[in-house]
Amino acid sequence: MAPTPSEADQAPIYEDLVRERGDVVAEAQTSAEHTQHRAAQLLSSNHAEPAHRHQA
């Protein structure tokens, strides 16, 4: 039986690499989501509090 297109897209080597090294793609996505959330928090807190101005 021939593999379906979706089965052919997932190379067996990828599954081996995930087992050996971890799912780097999923980790990167989680890290990016965390960074976006943290940046949004920081930006919204910066708008709530005026920046300190240095006087010359």
Protein backbone atom coordinates (compact mmCIF):
# COMPACT_ATOMS: atom_id res chain seq x y z
CA MET A 1 0.00 0.00 0.00
CA ALA A 2 1.39 3.43 -0.97
CA PRO A 3 1.62 6.14 1.67
CA THR A 4 -0.91 8.94 1.55
CA PRO A 5 0.40 12.46 0.79
CA SER A 6 0.20 13.46 4.48
CA GLU A 7 2.19 10.36 5.50
CA ALA A 8 4.78 11.06 2.81
CA ASP A 9 5.22 14.63 4.11
CA GLN A 10 6.37 13.36 7.50
CA ALA A 11 9.78 11.82 6.96
CA PRO A 12 10.64 8.99 9.37
CA ILE A 13 13.95 10.70 10.11
CA TYR A 14 12.06 13.61 11.73
CA GLU A 15 10.50 11.25 14.28
CA ASP A 16 13.94 9.79 15.04
CA LEU A 17 15.41 13.26 15.50
CA VAL A 18 12.57 14.26 17.85
CA ARG A 19 13.23 11.17 19.96
CA GLU A 20 16.98 11.83 20.02
CA ARG A 21 17.11 15.63 20.32
CA GLY A 22 13.65 16.74 21.42
CA ASP A 23 11.05 18.66 19.44
CA VAL A 24 13.01 21.83 18.73
CA VAL A 25 10.24 23.28 16.57
CA ALA A 26 7.66 22.97 19.38
CA GLU A 27 10.14 24.40 21.90
CA ALA A 28 10.88 27.37 19.64
CA GLN A 29 7.17 28.03 19.17
CA THR A 30 6.57 27.92 22.94
CA SER A 31 9.51 30.25 23.52
CA ALA A 32 8.26 32.69 20.87
CA GLU A 33 4.78 32.74 22.42
CA HIS A 34 6.28 33.40 25.86
CA THR A 35 8.43 36.21 24.46
CA GLN A 36 5.45 37.82 22.73
CA HIS A 37 3.38 37.61 25.92
CA ARG A 38 6.19 39.10 28.03
CA ALA A 39 6.81 41.89 25.49
CA ALA A 40 3.11 42.76 25.49
CA GLN A 41 3.17 42.94 29.30
CA LEU A 42 6.21 45.19 29.31
CA LEU A 43 4.87 47.46 26.59
CA SER A 44 1.51 47.87 28.31
CA SER A 45 3.21 48.65 31.64
CA ASN A 46 5.41 51.26 29.91
CA HIS A 47 2.31 53.03 28.60
CA ALA A 48 0.79 53.07 32.08
CA GLU A 49 3.83 54.69 33.70
CA PRO A 50 5.57 57.70 32.16
CA ALA A 51 9.24 57.27 31.40
CA HIS A 52 11.71 59.04 33.66
CA ARG A 53 13.35 61.96 31.91
CA HIS A 54 16.96 62.84 32.51
CA GLN A 55 17.62 66.53 33.01
CA ALA A 56 20.83 67.93 31.55
